Amino acid sequence: MEPSETTWLNASKTYKKCPHCKHGDLDSRVKRGALVKSLLFWLDLKRYSCSSCGRKVYMVGKNEK
């Protein structure tokens, strides 16, 4: 395969660290609450769960570095 064909196959992502415990990765998406869905639907808000402490965090935009 040529390099241009394999670039889309690279699925490795780097995630931001949890703002609470500072060492866990925010890697799994969680459903947003009904209030956020109904009132802030126009924002690019996403909710993630920390892999270490389990806390849930809202982030604006993509979670990639």
Protein backbone atom coordinates (compact mmCIF):
# COMPACT_ATOMS: atom_id res chain seq x y z
CA MET A 1 0.00 0.00 0.00
CA GLU A 2 1.07 3.54 -0.66
CA PRO A 3 1.45 5.96 2.27
CA SER A 4 -1.50 8.04 1.08
CA GLU A 5 -3.75 4.96 1.23
CA THR A 6 -2.72 3.98 4.75
CA THR A 7 -3.13 7.38 6.43
CA TRP A 8 -6.85 6.91 6.94
CA LEU A 9 -6.19 3.53 8.58
CA ASN A 10 -4.30 5.13 11.48
CA ALA A 11 -6.82 4.92 14.32
CA SER A 12 -4.50 5.89 17.16
CA LYS A 13 -5.84 8.90 19.03
CA THR A 14 -4.34 10.89 21.85
CA TYR A 15 -6.82 12.00 24.47
CA LYS A 16 -6.74 14.83 26.95
CA LYS A 17 -6.08 14.13 30.59
CA CYS A 18 -8.82 14.28 33.22
CA PRO A 19 -9.03 17.70 34.92
CA HIS A 20 -9.90 16.05 38.25
CA CYS A 21 -7.33 13.30 38.76
CA LYS A 22 -4.76 14.63 36.22
CA HIS A 23 -3.60 11.20 35.02
CA GLY A 24 -6.61 9.38 33.56
CA ASP A 25 -7.54 9.62 29.89
CA LEU A 26 -10.92 10.93 28.76
CA ASP A 27 -11.50 8.12 26.31
CA SER A 28 -15.10 6.98 26.49
CA ARG A 29 -18.11 9.02 25.41
CA VAL A 30 -21.15 9.27 27.69
CA LYS A 31 -24.68 10.38 26.81
CA ARG A 32 -25.42 14.04 27.48
CA GLY A 33 -28.17 15.00 29.90
CA ALA A 34 -31.66 15.99 28.70
CA LEU A 35 -31.19 19.61 29.78
CA VAL A 36 -27.96 19.94 27.82
CA LYS A 37 -29.51 18.28 24.78
CA SER A 38 -32.55 20.54 24.78
CA LEU A 39 -31.02 23.91 25.73
CA LEU A 40 -27.46 23.72 24.43
CA PHE A 41 -28.06 21.65 21.30
CA TRP A 42 -26.26 24.23 19.13
CA LEU A 43 -22.97 23.87 21.03
CA ASP A 44 -20.46 21.20 20.16
CA LEU A 45 -20.58 19.80 23.72
CA LYS A 46 -19.45 16.25 24.29
CA ARG A 47 -19.39 14.33 27.55
CA TYR A 48 -16.52 11.99 28.37
CA SER A 49 -15.76 9.62 31.22
CA CYS A 50 -12.31 9.34 32.80
CA SER A 51 -10.68 5.92 32.56
CA SER A 52 -9.06 6.28 35.97
CA CYS A 53 -11.42 8.05 38.39
CA GLY A 54 -14.70 7.55 36.49
CA ARG A 55 -15.80 11.20 36.68
CA LYS A 56 -17.69 12.65 33.76
CA VAL A 57 -16.57 15.87 32.06
CA TYR A 58 -18.17 18.06 29.40
CA MET A 59 -15.83 19.30 26.68
CA VAL A 60 -16.41 21.64 23.75
CA GLY A 61 -15.25 20.39 20.39
CA LYS A 62 -13.06 17.42 19.63
CA ASN A 63 -11.18 15.58 22.34
CA GLU A 64 -8.05 15.11 20.25
CA LYS A 65 -4.87 17.01 21.03
